């Protein structure tokens, strides 16, 4: 998906000094990921088919990067293979739902709701720990609920299709949360790009099958938006995040995440004339703040 890569979920509270290069990489990653919804709209395939090409065209580059990792960090078998394959299924469902939502709702909404897995993971952690939420966690959940209600209410005023698009993007965040949860045990054994390789190999054929079942156009006339989508979202965006996020504390990661919906909303306005109301802006601020607080509230596994 949608947005935050595997390394962002390791929940390491970084205390290292970061350089301007690290900050540039972090902001560049969010910029690349924020352009994803626009590129899905520009593709002349169906939205789910665009997800298939996002994975397939990026696969050779991911393979080369994974081969640079130590041999013992590339070996996958048994239970680890089952976990990574299962995670790939959820990643495919995440992309399918998100891309369908992108086609019908505002780009800013799609970016925010597609990243809602952060709040879902935090809520899941509270349930698993069987403890009461802390003040920051309560604030994040309340802010997310109010912000989502405002954005979805604004979408419903625009059209029923836009409201349904929001729901698909929220469903994508749900799938992404399970994608991350299934990968947690495998991360101790595999390198980042090896994980990404196996989840991509599993997810690509599922997206192709879903696109075919929906009767979407699969083969494009213009390859440019799809190539840029694959390189920017799947290779550059995730690659830069993997490079830079370990150097920042979760709060900075969350704050950097706030650039994504702002960029998506700006591109939606410039490319498609999607105007945000005052309620939309306030809802975006609340939901984006919830994502930042969810990141800040992360605890090491």
Protein backbone atom coordinates (compact mmCIF):
# COMPACT_ATOMS: atom_id res chain seq x y z
CA UNK A 1 0.00 0.00 0.00
CA UNK A 2 -0.43 2.02 0.76
CA UNK A 3 2.10 3.93 2.62
CA UNK A 4 4.32 2.84 5.71
CA UNK A 5 6.85 0.10 4.95
CA UNK A 6 7.99 -2.84 7.05
CA UNK A 7 10.85 -1.03 8.80
CA UNK A 8 8.45 1.66 10.05
CA UNK A 9 6.60 -0.98 12.07
CA UNK A 10 9.55 -2.38 14.02
CA UNK A 11 8.77 0.26 16.67
CA UNK A 12 12.41 0.99 17.50
CA UNK A 13 12.69 4.22 19.45
CA UNK A 14 15.65 5.64 17.62
CA UNK A 15 18.11 7.71 19.61
CA UNK A 16 20.69 8.14 16.87
CA UNK A 17 21.66 11.47 15.44
CA UNK A 18 20.04 12.11 12.12
CA UNK A 19 21.53 14.09 9.30
CA UNK A 20 19.91 16.37 6.70
CA UNK A 21 20.27 13.44 4.27
CA UNK A 22 18.11 11.28 6.54
CA UNK A 23 15.46 14.01 6.78
CA UNK A 24 15.51 14.51 3.01
CA UNK A 25 15.06 10.76 2.51
CA UNK A 26 12.14 10.67 4.96
CA UNK A 27 10.35 13.59 3.29
CA UNK A 28 11.19 12.23 -0.18
CA UNK A 29 9.66 8.88 0.74
CA UNK A 30 6.42 10.50 1.85
CA UNK A 31 6.36 12.61 -1.31
CA UNK A 32 6.77 9.52 -3.50
CA UNK A 33 4.06 7.63 -1.62
CA UNK A 34 1.68 10.60 -1.67
CA UNK A 35 1.78 10.67 -5.47
CA UNK A 36 0.53 7.08 -5.65
CA UNK A 37 -3.21 7.90 -5.70
CA UNK A 38 -2.70 10.40 -8.53
CA UNK A 39 -0.83 7.82 -10.62
CA UNK A 40 -3.57 5.23 -10.04
CA UNK A 41 -6.08 7.76 -11.38
CA UNK A 42 -3.91 8.51 -14.41
CA UNK A 43 -3.44 4.85 -15.35
CA UNK A 44 -5.63 3.67 -18.23
CA UNK A 45 -6.08 0.24 -16.64
CA UNK A 46 -8.57 -0.62 -13.92
CA UNK A 47 -7.56 0.42 -10.38
CA UNK A 48 -6.88 -3.13 -9.17
CA UNK A 49 -4.93 -3.88 -12.36
CA UNK A 50 -2.81 -0.81 -11.58
CA UNK A 51 -1.96 -2.46 -8.25
CA UNK A 52 -0.91 -5.61 -10.09
CA UNK A 53 1.46 -3.62 -12.30
CA UNK A 54 2.75 -1.68 -9.29
CA UNK A 55 4.00 -4.96 -7.82
CA UNK A 56 5.00 -6.73 -11.02
CA UNK A 57 7.04 -3.90 -12.55
CA UNK A 58 8.84 -3.34 -9.23
CA UNK A 59 9.61 -7.03 -8.73
CA UNK A 60 12.92 -7.19 -10.71
CA UNK A 61 14.32 -4.22 -8.76
CA UNK A 62 13.22 -5.69 -5.42
CA UNK A 63 14.82 -9.01 -6.40
CA UNK A 64 18.16 -7.32 -7.11
CA UNK A 65 18.03 -5.46 -3.77
CA UNK A 66 17.15 -8.64 -1.88
CA UNK A 67 20.13 -10.46 -3.40
CA UNK A 68 22.41 -7.92 -1.72
CA UNK A 69 21.23 -9.11 1.72
CA UNK A 70 23.13 -11.87 3.59
CA UNK A 71 22.23 -15.41 2.54
CA UNK A 72 20.86 -16.31 5.96
CA UNK A 73 18.52 -13.29 5.78
CA UNK A 74 17.09 -14.45 2.44
CA UNK A 75 16.30 -18.06 3.34
CA UNK A 76 12.59 -18.69 3.93
CA UNK A 77 10.83 -22.01 4.65
CA UNK A 78 8.22 -23.70 6.81
CA UNK A 79 6.24 -21.52 9.17
CA UNK A 80 8.05 -18.37 8.06
CA UNK A 81 7.05 -18.99 4.46
CA UNK A 82 3.42 -19.49 5.52
CA UNK A 83 3.44 -16.21 7.46
CA UNK A 84 5.03 -14.22 4.63
CA UNK A 85 2.67 -15.74 2.06
CA UNK A 86 -0.33 -14.96 4.26
CA UNK A 87 0.93 -11.42 4.68
CA UNK A 88 1.21 -11.14 0.90
CA UNK A 89 -2.47 -12.07 0.60
CA UNK A 90 -3.46 -9.28 2.99
CA UNK A 91 -1.16 -6.85 1.17
CA UNK A 92 -2.89 -7.68 -2.11
CA UNK A 93 -6.32 -7.17 -0.51
CA UNK A 94 -5.04 -3.88 0.94
CA UNK A 95 -3.95 -2.59 -2.47
CA UNK A 96 -7.12 -3.83 -4.19
CA UNK A 97 -9.39 -2.07 -1.68
CA UNK A 98 -7.30 1.09 -1.61
CA UNK A 99 -7.09 1.43 -5.38
CA UNK A 100 -10.85 0.92 -5.77
CA UNK A 101 -11.34 3.66 -3.18
CA UNK A 102 -8.87 5.98 -4.93
CA UNK A 103 -10.97 5.77 -8.09
CA UNK A 104 -14.07 7.20 -6.38
CA UNK A 105 -13.10 9.38 -3.41
CA UNK A 106 -10.90 12.46 -2.97
CA UNK A 107 -7.17 11.84 -3.13
CA UNK A 108 -6.60 13.41 0.30
CA UNK A 109 -9.22 11.12 1.85
CA UNK A 110 -7.68 8.10 0.14
CA UNK A 111 -4.24 8.91 1.53
CA UNK A 112 -5.51 9.38 5.07
CA UNK A 113 -7.85 6.41 5.24
CA UNK A 114 -5.31 4.19 3.52
CA UNK A 115 -2.91 4.86 6.40
CA UNK A 116 -5.54 4.15 9.06
CA UNK A 117 -3.83 0.84 9.81
CA UNK A 118 -1.66 2.74 12.32
CA UNK A 119 -4.65 3.42 14.58
CA UNK A 120 -5.99 -0.11 14.03
CA UNK A 121 -2.64 -1.60 15.07
CA UNK A 122 -2.61 0.54 18.20
CA UNK A 123 -6.14 -0.58 19.14
CA UNK A 124 -5.19 -4.20 18.46
CA UNK A 125 -2.15 -3.82 20.73
CA UNK A 126 -4.37 -2.63 23.56
CA UNK A 127 -6.66 -5.63 23.15
CA UNK A 128 -3.72 -8.05 23.04
CA UNK A 129 -2.10 -6.44 26.11
CA UNK A 130 -5.43 -6.46 27.99
CA UNK A 131 -4.83 -3.05 29.49
CA UNK A 132 -6.54 0.30 29.58
CA UNK A 133 -5.39 2.83 26.95
CA UNK A 134 -3.04 5.66 27.92
CA UNK A 135 -4.05 9.28 27.47
CA UNK A 136 -2.19 9.63 24.17
CA UNK A 137 -3.84 6.48 22.86
CA UNK A 138 -7.30 7.66 23.88
CA UNK A 139 -6.67 11.00 22.19
CA UNK A 140 -5.54 9.23 19.01
CA UNK A 141 -8.60 6.98 18.86
CA UNK A 142 -11.07 9.80 19.55
CA UNK A 143 -9.34 12.09 17.06
CA UNK A 144 -9.41 9.33 14.43
CA UNK A 145 -13.11 8.63 14.92
CA UNK A 146 -14.14 12.30 14.81
CA UNK A 147 -11.88 13.06 11.84
CA UNK A 148 -13.13 10.03 9.92
CA UNK A 149 -16.75 10.98 10.62
CA UNK A 150 -16.21 14.51 9.30
CA UNK A 151 -14.45 13.33 6.15
CA UNK A 152 -16.98 10.61 5.41
CA UNK A 153 -19.85 13.01 6.07
CA UNK A 154 -18.34 15.41 3.54
CA UNK A 155 -17.98 12.59 1.04
CA UNK A 156 -21.60 11.57 1.50
CA UNK A 157 -22.67 15.13 0.73
CA UNK A 158 -20.71 14.96 -2.54
CA UNK A 159 -22.01 11.57 -3.70
CA UNK A 160 -22.80 8.05 -2.58
CA UNK A 161 -19.87 6.76 -4.68
CA UNK A 162 -17.41 9.02 -2.85
CA UNK A 163 -18.68 7.74 0.51
CA UNK A 164 -18.25 4.14 -0.66
CA UNK A 165 -14.73 5.05 -1.78
CA UNK A 166 -13.91 6.18 1.76
CA UNK A 167 -15.17 2.84 3.07
CA UNK A 168 -12.93 0.94 0.66
CA UNK A 169 -9.91 2.98 1.79
CA UNK A 170 -10.76 2.27 5.44
CA UNK A 171 -11.02 -1.43 4.57
CA UNK A 172 -7.55 -1.14 3.02
CA UNK A 173 -6.20 0.16 6.34
CA UNK A 174 -7.78 -2.85 8.07
CA UNK A 175 -6.08 -5.28 5.68
CA UNK A 176 -2.75 -3.46 6.04
CA UNK A 177 -2.88 -3.86 9.82
CA UNK A 178 -3.17 -7.64 9.45
CA UNK A 179 -0.39 -7.57 6.86
CA UNK A 180 1.93 -6.01 9.42
CA UNK A 181 0.83 -8.33 12.23
CA UNK A 182 1.52 -11.45 10.16
CA UNK A 183 4.99 -10.21 9.19
CA UNK A 184 6.17 -9.49 12.74
CA UNK A 185 7.54 -13.00 13.50
CA UNK A 186 9.23 -13.22 10.08
CA UNK A 187 11.13 -9.96 10.46
CA UNK A 188 13.54 -11.48 12.95
CA UNK A 189 14.68 -13.97 10.30
CA UNK A 190 14.49 -12.14 6.98
CA UNK A 191 15.89 -8.92 5.53
CA UNK A 192 13.57 -6.07 4.56
CA UNK A 193 13.79 -6.60 0.82
CA UNK A 194 13.51 -10.37 1.13
CA UNK A 195 10.25 -9.88 3.01
CA UNK A 196 9.09 -7.43 0.40
CA UNK A 197 10.08 -9.85 -2.36
CA UNK A 198 8.03 -12.76 -1.01
CA UNK A 199 4.98 -10.65 -0.17
CA UNK A 200 5.14 -9.11 -3.66
CA UNK A 201 5.39 -12.53 -5.31
CA UNK A 202 2.32 -13.67 -3.38
CA UNK A 203 0.30 -10.51 -3.87
CA UNK A 204 0.78 -9.89 -7.60
CA UNK A 205 -1.18 -12.92 -8.92
CA UNK A 206 -4.01 -12.25 -6.46
CA UNK A 207 -4.37 -8.70 -7.75
CA UNK A 208 -4.38 -9.98 -11.33
CA UNK A 209 -7.11 -12.50 -10.47
CA UNK A 210 -9.24 -9.85 -8.74
CA UNK A 211 -8.83 -7.44 -11.66
CA UNK A 212 -9.92 -10.19 -14.07
CA UNK A 213 -12.96 -11.06 -11.93
CA UNK A 214 -13.99 -7.40 -11.89
CA UNK A 215 -13.66 -7.26 -15.67
CA UNK A 216 -11.05 -4.50 -15.53
CA UNK A 217 -8.77 -3.48 -18.36
CA UNK A 218 -5.41 -5.08 -17.52
CA UNK A 219 -3.10 -4.25 -20.41
CA UNK A 220 -2.42 -0.50 -20.61
CA UNK A 221 -2.04 1.65 -23.69
CA UNK A 222 0.22 4.05 -21.81
CA UNK A 223 2.80 2.39 -19.54
CA UNK A 224 4.22 5.61 -18.11
CA UNK A 225 1.91 6.12 -15.09
CA UNK A 226 2.30 2.45 -14.10
CA UNK A 227 6.09 2.47 -14.38
CA UNK A 228 6.28 5.65 -12.31
CA UNK A 229 3.83 4.13 -9.78
CA UNK A 230 5.94 0.99 -9.40
CA UNK A 231 9.22 2.84 -9.07
CA UNK A 232 7.93 5.64 -6.83
CA UNK A 233 5.59 3.81 -4.45
CA UNK A 234 7.06 0.31 -4.35
CA UNK A 235 10.79 0.93 -4.85
CA UNK A 236 11.72 4.55 -4.10
CA UNK A 237 9.10 5.32 -1.44
CA UNK A 238 9.61 2.14 0.56
CA UNK A 239 13.34 2.11 -0.12
CA UNK A 240 13.83 5.63 1.24
CA UNK A 241 11.71 4.86 4.28
CA UNK A 242 13.71 1.72 5.00
CA UNK A 243 16.87 3.80 4.72
CA UNK A 244 15.73 6.68 6.89
CA UNK A 245 13.07 5.71 9.42
CA UNK A 246 15.39 3.82 11.76
CA UNK A 247 17.13 7.13 12.45
CA UNK A 248 14.01 8.88 13.80
CA UNK A 249 11.77 8.49 16.84
CA UNK A 250 8.14 7.50 16.17
CA UNK A 251 6.84 11.04 16.74
CA UNK A 252 8.95 12.40 13.88
CA UNK A 253 7.80 9.47 11.71
CA UNK A 254 4.19 10.35 12.48
CA UNK A 255 4.70 14.03 11.78
CA UNK A 256 6.37 13.25 8.45
CA UNK A 257 3.36 11.10 7.60
CA UNK A 258 1.22 14.25 7.74
CA UNK A 259 2.82 15.45 4.50
CA UNK A 260 1.16 12.63 2.54
CA UNK A 261 -2.50 13.71 2.78
CA UNK A 262 -1.53 17.35 2.23
CA UNK A 263 0.33 16.48 -0.99
CA UNK A 264 -2.46 14.16 -2.14
CA UNK A 265 -5.09 16.82 -1.48
CA UNK A 266 -3.01 19.39 -3.40
CA UNK A 267 -2.60 17.07 -6.40
CA UNK A 268 -6.32 16.27 -6.29
CA UNK A 269 -7.13 19.96 -6.43
CA UNK A 270 -4.65 20.75 -9.22
CA UNK A 271 -5.39 17.69 -11.38
CA UNK A 272 -9.09 17.06 -10.77
CA UNK A 273 -10.47 20.21 -9.16
CA UNK A 274 -11.24 18.44 -5.87
CA UNK A 275 -12.04 21.28 -3.47
CA UNK A 276 -11.90 20.67 0.28
CA UNK A 277 -14.53 22.23 2.53
CA UNK A 278 -13.71 23.63 5.97
CA UNK A 279 -15.14 20.44 7.50
CA UNK A 280 -12.93 18.32 5.24
CA UNK A 281 -9.83 20.25 6.28
CA UNK A 282 -10.68 19.95 9.98
CA UNK A 283 -11.37 16.23 9.56
CA UNK A 284 -8.05 15.75 7.79
CA UNK A 285 -6.22 17.56 10.57
CA UNK A 286 -7.88 15.41 13.23
CA UNK A 287 -7.26 12.13 11.44
CA UNK A 288 -3.70 13.04 10.50
CA UNK A 289 -3.03 14.01 14.13
CA UNK A 290 -4.43 10.64 15.20
CA UNK A 291 -1.97 8.86 12.91
CA UNK A 292 0.89 10.91 14.34
CA UNK A 293 -0.20 10.14 17.92
CA UNK A 294 -0.54 6.45 17.06
CA UNK A 295 3.06 6.46 15.82
CA UNK A 296 4.23 8.37 18.90
CA UNK A 297 2.40 5.93 21.16
CA UNK A 298 4.10 2.88 19.64
CA UNK A 299 6.05 0.75 22.07
CA UNK A 300 8.85 -1.67 21.23
CA UNK A 301 7.60 -5.20 20.57
